[in-house]
């Protein structure tokens, strides 16, 4: 979503069926607010009250441009008739194990 926003191609995120039935400006605004909420630096993120105001008010004419999200994976998407439809090129993940105490 962030990459498409940077390339001014956010409409590609919206399903064709939704494009014809929704208020596109509200959907695009929701995408931008969502990206503002996941910016890498926490001080750049809006607090909950500000995010709600951004989503519910048309009085805010323009929103700030989001910066890179905290986690960004590159995805190559090919035509959906292609058998290898998409490939994720995520950075290596750190492993995490969680141990919960329980009775024997």
N, C-alpha and C. Protein backbone atom coordinates (compact mmCIF):
# COMPACT_ATOMS: atom_id res chain seq x y z
N UNK A 1 0.83 -1.19 0.00
CA UNK A 1 0.00 0.00 0.00
C UNK A 1 0.87 1.25 0.00
N UNK A 2 1.94 1.23 0.80
CA UNK A 2 2.81 2.40 0.89
C UNK A 2 3.49 2.66 -0.45
N UNK A 3 3.97 1.61 -1.07
CA UNK A 3 4.67 1.76 -2.36
C UNK A 3 3.70 2.30 -3.42
N UNK A 4 2.49 1.77 -3.47
CA UNK A 4 1.52 2.26 -4.44
C UNK A 4 1.14 3.71 -4.16
N UNK A 5 1.04 4.09 -2.89
CA UNK A 5 0.74 5.49 -2.55
C UNK A 5 1.86 6.40 -3.05
N UNK A 6 3.11 5.99 -2.83
CA UNK A 6 4.25 6.78 -3.30
C UNK A 6 4.23 6.94 -4.81
N UNK A 7 3.79 5.91 -5.50
CA UNK A 7 3.75 5.94 -6.97
C UNK A 7 2.45 6.51 -7.51
N UNK A 8 1.61 7.05 -6.58
CA UNK A 8 0.30 7.62 -6.93
C UNK A 8 -0.58 6.61 -7.67
N UNK A 9 -0.56 5.35 -7.17
CA UNK A 9 -1.34 4.27 -7.76
C UNK A 9 -2.22 3.59 -6.71
N UNK A 10 -2.67 4.35 -5.72
CA UNK A 10 -3.46 3.79 -4.61
C UNK A 10 -4.75 3.13 -5.08
N UNK A 11 -5.30 3.58 -6.20
CA UNK A 11 -6.54 2.99 -6.70
C UNK A 11 -6.39 1.50 -6.99
N UNK A 12 -5.18 1.06 -7.25
CA UNK A 12 -4.93 -0.36 -7.53
C UNK A 12 -5.18 -1.23 -6.29
N UNK A 13 -5.21 -0.63 -5.12
CA UNK A 13 -5.48 -1.38 -3.89
C UNK A 13 -6.96 -1.73 -3.75
N UNK A 14 -7.81 -1.02 -4.45
CA UNK A 14 -9.25 -1.15 -4.28
C UNK A 14 -9.82 -2.13 -5.30
N UNK A 15 -10.55 -3.11 -4.82
CA UNK A 15 -11.19 -4.10 -5.69
C UNK A 15 -12.13 -3.38 -6.66
N UNK A 16 -12.21 -3.86 -7.89
CA UNK A 16 -13.05 -3.23 -8.91
C UNK A 16 -14.50 -3.12 -8.49
N UNK A 17 -15.02 -4.13 -7.81
CA UNK A 17 -16.42 -4.11 -7.36
C UNK A 17 -16.65 -3.01 -6.34
N UNK A 18 -15.65 -2.77 -5.50
CA UNK A 18 -15.77 -1.73 -4.47
C UNK A 18 -15.61 -0.35 -5.10
N UNK A 19 -14.77 -0.25 -6.11
CA UNK A 19 -14.55 1.05 -6.77
C UNK A 19 -15.84 1.67 -7.26
N UNK A 20 -16.74 0.85 -7.79
CA UNK A 20 -17.97 1.39 -8.36
C UNK A 20 -19.03 1.66 -7.30
N UNK A 21 -18.90 1.08 -6.11
CA UNK A 21 -19.95 1.24 -5.12
C UNK A 21 -19.54 2.10 -3.93
N UNK A 22 -18.32 2.52 -3.86
CA UNK A 22 -17.86 3.28 -2.71
C UNK A 22 -17.48 4.70 -3.08
N UNK A 23 -17.40 5.50 -2.07
CA UNK A 23 -16.90 6.86 -2.23
C UNK A 23 -15.37 6.74 -2.27
N UNK A 24 -14.81 6.85 -3.45
CA UNK A 24 -13.37 6.61 -3.65
C UNK A 24 -12.52 7.51 -2.75
N UNK A 25 -12.90 8.76 -2.60
CA UNK A 25 -12.09 9.68 -1.79
C UNK A 25 -12.02 9.20 -0.34
N UNK A 26 -13.11 8.62 0.17
CA UNK A 26 -13.10 8.11 1.55
C UNK A 26 -12.22 6.87 1.67
N UNK A 27 -12.25 6.02 0.66
CA UNK A 27 -11.41 4.82 0.68
C UNK A 27 -9.93 5.21 0.61
N UNK A 28 -9.59 6.15 -0.26
CA UNK A 28 -8.20 6.60 -0.38
C UNK A 28 -7.75 7.28 0.91
N UNK A 29 -8.63 8.04 1.53
CA UNK A 29 -8.32 8.69 2.81
C UNK A 29 -8.05 7.63 3.88
N UNK A 30 -8.83 6.57 3.90
CA UNK A 30 -8.64 5.49 4.88
C UNK A 30 -7.28 4.81 4.68
N UNK A 31 -6.90 4.61 3.44
CA UNK A 31 -5.60 4.00 3.13
C UNK A 31 -4.49 4.90 3.66
N UNK A 32 -4.59 6.19 3.40
CA UNK A 32 -3.55 7.12 3.82
C UNK A 32 -3.48 7.21 5.35
N UNK A 33 -4.61 7.25 6.03
CA UNK A 33 -4.61 7.29 7.50
C UNK A 33 -4.01 5.99 8.05
N UNK A 34 -4.35 4.87 7.46
CA UNK A 34 -3.77 3.60 7.88
C UNK A 34 -2.26 3.61 7.77
N UNK A 35 -1.76 4.16 6.68
CA UNK A 35 -0.31 4.23 6.49
C UNK A 35 0.35 5.22 7.45
N UNK A 36 -0.37 6.28 7.80
CA UNK A 36 0.15 7.21 8.80
C UNK A 36 0.29 6.52 10.16
N UNK A 37 -0.60 5.59 10.44
CA UNK A 37 -0.62 4.89 11.74
C UNK A 37 0.46 3.83 11.88
N UNK A 38 1.10 3.44 10.79
CA UNK A 38 2.13 2.39 10.87
C UNK A 38 3.51 2.89 10.47
N UNK A 39 3.70 4.21 10.51
CA UNK A 39 5.01 4.75 10.17
C UNK A 39 6.07 4.21 11.12
N UNK A 40 7.29 4.11 10.62
CA UNK A 40 8.37 3.49 11.39
C UNK A 40 8.62 4.22 12.71
N UNK A 41 8.66 5.52 12.70
CA UNK A 41 8.95 6.29 13.90
C UNK A 41 7.65 6.56 14.67
N UNK A 42 7.51 6.06 15.89
CA UNK A 42 6.26 6.25 16.64
C UNK A 42 5.84 7.70 16.82
N UNK A 43 6.80 8.63 16.92
CA UNK A 43 6.42 10.03 17.11
C UNK A 43 5.76 10.63 15.86
N UNK A 44 5.94 9.98 14.71
CA UNK A 44 5.31 10.46 13.46
C UNK A 44 3.87 9.97 13.34
N UNK A 45 3.51 8.95 14.11
CA UNK A 45 2.17 8.36 14.02
C UNK A 45 1.13 9.23 14.73
N UNK A 46 -0.06 9.35 14.16
CA UNK A 46 -1.10 10.10 14.86
C UNK A 46 -1.61 9.29 16.05
N UNK A 47 -2.06 9.99 17.11
CA UNK A 47 -2.69 9.26 18.21
C UNK A 47 -4.09 8.85 17.77
N UNK A 48 -4.76 8.04 18.57
CA UNK A 48 -6.05 7.48 18.18
C UNK A 48 -7.09 8.57 17.92
N UNK A 49 -7.13 9.59 18.78
CA UNK A 49 -8.11 10.67 18.60
C UNK A 49 -7.89 11.40 17.28
N UNK A 50 -6.64 11.64 16.93
CA UNK A 50 -6.32 12.31 15.67
C UNK A 50 -6.68 11.43 14.48
N UNK A 51 -6.39 10.13 14.57
CA UNK A 51 -6.72 9.21 13.48
C UNK A 51 -8.22 9.16 13.26
N UNK A 52 -9.00 9.11 14.33
CA UNK A 52 -10.46 9.10 14.22
C UNK A 52 -10.94 10.40 13.58
N UNK A 53 -10.36 11.52 14.00
CA UNK A 53 -10.73 12.82 13.42
C UNK A 53 -10.40 12.85 11.93
N UNK A 54 -9.23 12.33 11.55
CA UNK A 54 -8.84 12.29 10.14
C UNK A 54 -9.82 11.48 9.31
N UNK A 55 -10.31 10.38 9.89
CA UNK A 55 -11.23 9.50 9.16
C UNK A 55 -12.65 10.05 9.09
N UNK A 56 -13.05 10.76 10.13
CA UNK A 56 -14.45 11.16 10.21
C UNK A 56 -14.73 12.58 9.76
N UNK A 57 -13.71 13.36 9.51
CA UNK A 57 -13.93 14.76 9.17
C UNK A 57 -13.47 15.06 7.76
N UNK A 58 -14.34 15.69 7.01
CA UNK A 58 -13.96 16.16 5.67
C UNK A 58 -13.39 17.56 5.75
N UNK A 59 -13.36 18.14 6.97
CA UNK A 59 -12.84 19.49 7.14
C UNK A 59 -11.32 19.54 7.07
N UNK A 60 -10.67 18.39 7.15
CA UNK A 60 -9.21 18.34 7.02
C UNK A 60 -8.94 18.11 5.53
N UNK A 61 -8.61 19.17 4.80
CA UNK A 61 -8.49 19.05 3.35
C UNK A 61 -7.38 18.12 2.87
N UNK A 62 -6.21 18.20 3.49
CA UNK A 62 -5.14 17.31 3.05
C UNK A 62 -4.44 16.72 4.27
N UNK A 63 -4.08 15.48 4.13
CA UNK A 63 -3.40 14.76 5.20
C UNK A 63 -1.90 14.79 4.90
N UNK A 64 -1.07 14.67 5.94
CA UNK A 64 0.37 14.60 5.67
C UNK A 64 0.71 13.32 4.90
N UNK A 65 1.77 13.38 4.14
CA UNK A 65 2.21 12.19 3.41
C UNK A 65 2.87 11.23 4.40
N UNK A 66 2.46 9.97 4.39
CA UNK A 66 3.09 9.00 5.30
C UNK A 66 4.53 8.72 4.91
N UNK A 67 5.32 8.43 5.93
CA UNK A 67 6.70 8.00 5.73
C UNK A 67 6.71 6.48 5.69
N UNK A 68 7.86 5.92 5.42
CA UNK A 68 7.97 4.46 5.29
C UNK A 68 7.45 3.76 6.54
N UNK A 69 6.66 2.69 6.35
CA UNK A 69 6.15 1.94 7.51
C UNK A 69 7.27 1.22 8.25
N UNK A 70 6.96 0.83 9.49
CA UNK A 70 7.94 0.13 10.32
C UNK A 70 8.38 -1.18 9.72
N UNK A 71 7.49 -1.86 9.06
CA UNK A 71 7.83 -3.12 8.39
C UNK A 71 7.38 -3.01 6.96
N UNK A 72 8.30 -3.22 6.04
CA UNK A 72 7.98 -3.08 4.64
C UNK A 72 8.55 -4.27 3.89
N UNK A 73 7.68 -5.08 3.31
CA UNK A 73 8.10 -6.24 2.51
C UNK A 73 7.82 -5.93 1.05
N UNK A 74 8.72 -6.30 0.19
CA UNK A 74 8.53 -6.10 -1.23
C UNK A 74 7.75 -7.27 -1.79
N UNK A 75 6.80 -6.98 -2.63
CA UNK A 75 5.99 -8.03 -3.22
C UNK A 75 5.92 -7.80 -4.72
N UNK A 76 6.18 -8.84 -5.47
CA UNK A 76 6.08 -8.76 -6.92
C UNK A 76 4.77 -9.44 -7.29
N UNK A 77 3.90 -8.72 -7.96
CA UNK A 77 2.61 -9.28 -8.34
C UNK A 77 2.57 -9.35 -9.86
N UNK A 78 2.25 -10.52 -10.34
CA UNK A 78 2.12 -10.73 -11.78
C UNK A 78 0.65 -10.84 -12.12
N UNK A 79 0.37 -10.92 -13.37
CA UNK A 79 -1.02 -11.07 -13.83
C UNK A 79 -1.64 -12.29 -13.16
N UNK A 80 -2.89 -12.18 -12.67
CA UNK A 80 -3.47 -13.27 -11.89
C UNK A 80 -3.76 -14.54 -12.68
N UNK A 81 -3.55 -14.55 -13.95
CA UNK A 81 -3.69 -15.81 -14.69
C UNK A 81 -2.37 -16.56 -14.74
N UNK A 82 -1.32 -15.91 -14.31
CA UNK A 82 0.00 -16.51 -14.26
C UNK A 82 0.03 -17.51 -13.10
N UNK A 83 0.49 -18.75 -13.32
CA UNK A 83 0.51 -19.75 -12.25
C UNK A 83 1.36 -19.33 -11.05
N UNK A 84 2.39 -18.54 -11.28
CA UNK A 84 3.19 -18.06 -10.15
C UNK A 84 2.74 -16.64 -9.82
N UNK A 85 1.47 -16.53 -9.43
CA UNK A 85 0.78 -15.23 -9.27
C UNK A 85 1.56 -14.21 -8.47
N UNK A 86 2.04 -14.55 -7.29
CA UNK A 86 2.79 -13.56 -6.52
C UNK A 86 3.93 -14.22 -5.78
N UNK A 87 4.95 -13.44 -5.55
CA UNK A 87 6.12 -13.91 -4.82
C UNK A 87 6.43 -12.89 -3.75
N UNK A 88 6.56 -13.34 -2.52
CA UNK A 88 6.95 -12.44 -1.44
C UNK A 88 8.46 -12.45 -1.30
N UNK A 89 9.04 -11.29 -1.22
CA UNK A 89 10.47 -11.16 -1.00
C UNK A 89 10.68 -10.48 0.35
N UNK A 90 10.20 -11.11 1.40
CA UNK A 90 10.29 -10.53 2.73
C UNK A 90 11.71 -10.65 3.26
N UNK A 91 12.10 -9.68 4.08
CA UNK A 91 13.41 -9.83 4.72
C UNK A 91 13.38 -11.03 5.67
N UNK A 92 14.54 -11.59 5.96
CA UNK A 92 14.56 -12.76 6.85
C UNK A 92 13.89 -12.42 8.17
N UNK A 93 13.11 -13.35 8.66
CA UNK A 93 12.39 -13.08 9.91
C UNK A 93 13.20 -13.60 11.09
N UNK A 94 13.05 -12.93 12.19
CA UNK A 94 13.66 -13.41 13.44
C UNK A 94 12.75 -14.47 14.00
N UNK A 95 13.34 -15.51 14.57
CA UNK A 95 12.48 -16.55 15.13
C UNK A 95 12.11 -16.17 16.55
N UNK A 96 10.94 -16.59 16.95
CA UNK A 96 10.43 -16.30 18.28
C UNK A 96 9.72 -17.53 18.78
N UNK A 97 10.01 -17.89 19.99
CA UNK A 97 9.25 -18.99 20.58
C UNK A 97 8.63 -18.48 21.87
N UNK A 98 7.43 -18.95 22.12
CA UNK A 98 6.69 -18.55 23.32
C UNK A 98 6.41 -19.81 24.12
N UNK A 99 6.77 -19.77 25.38
CA UNK A 99 6.52 -20.91 26.26
C UNK A 99 5.49 -20.50 27.29
N UNK A 100 4.42 -21.24 27.36
CA UNK A 100 3.38 -20.99 28.34
C UNK A 100 3.44 -22.06 29.40
N UNK A 101 3.49 -21.66 30.67
CA UNK A 101 3.50 -22.68 31.73
C UNK A 101 2.15 -23.38 31.79
N UNK A 102 2.18 -24.64 32.06
CA UNK A 102 0.94 -25.40 32.17
C UNK A 102 1.13 -26.61 33.04
N UNK A 103 0.04 -27.22 33.46
CA UNK A 103 0.14 -28.41 34.32
C UNK A 103 0.68 -29.59 33.52
N UNK A 104 1.26 -30.53 34.24
CA UNK A 104 1.78 -31.74 33.58
C UNK A 104 0.78 -32.85 33.62
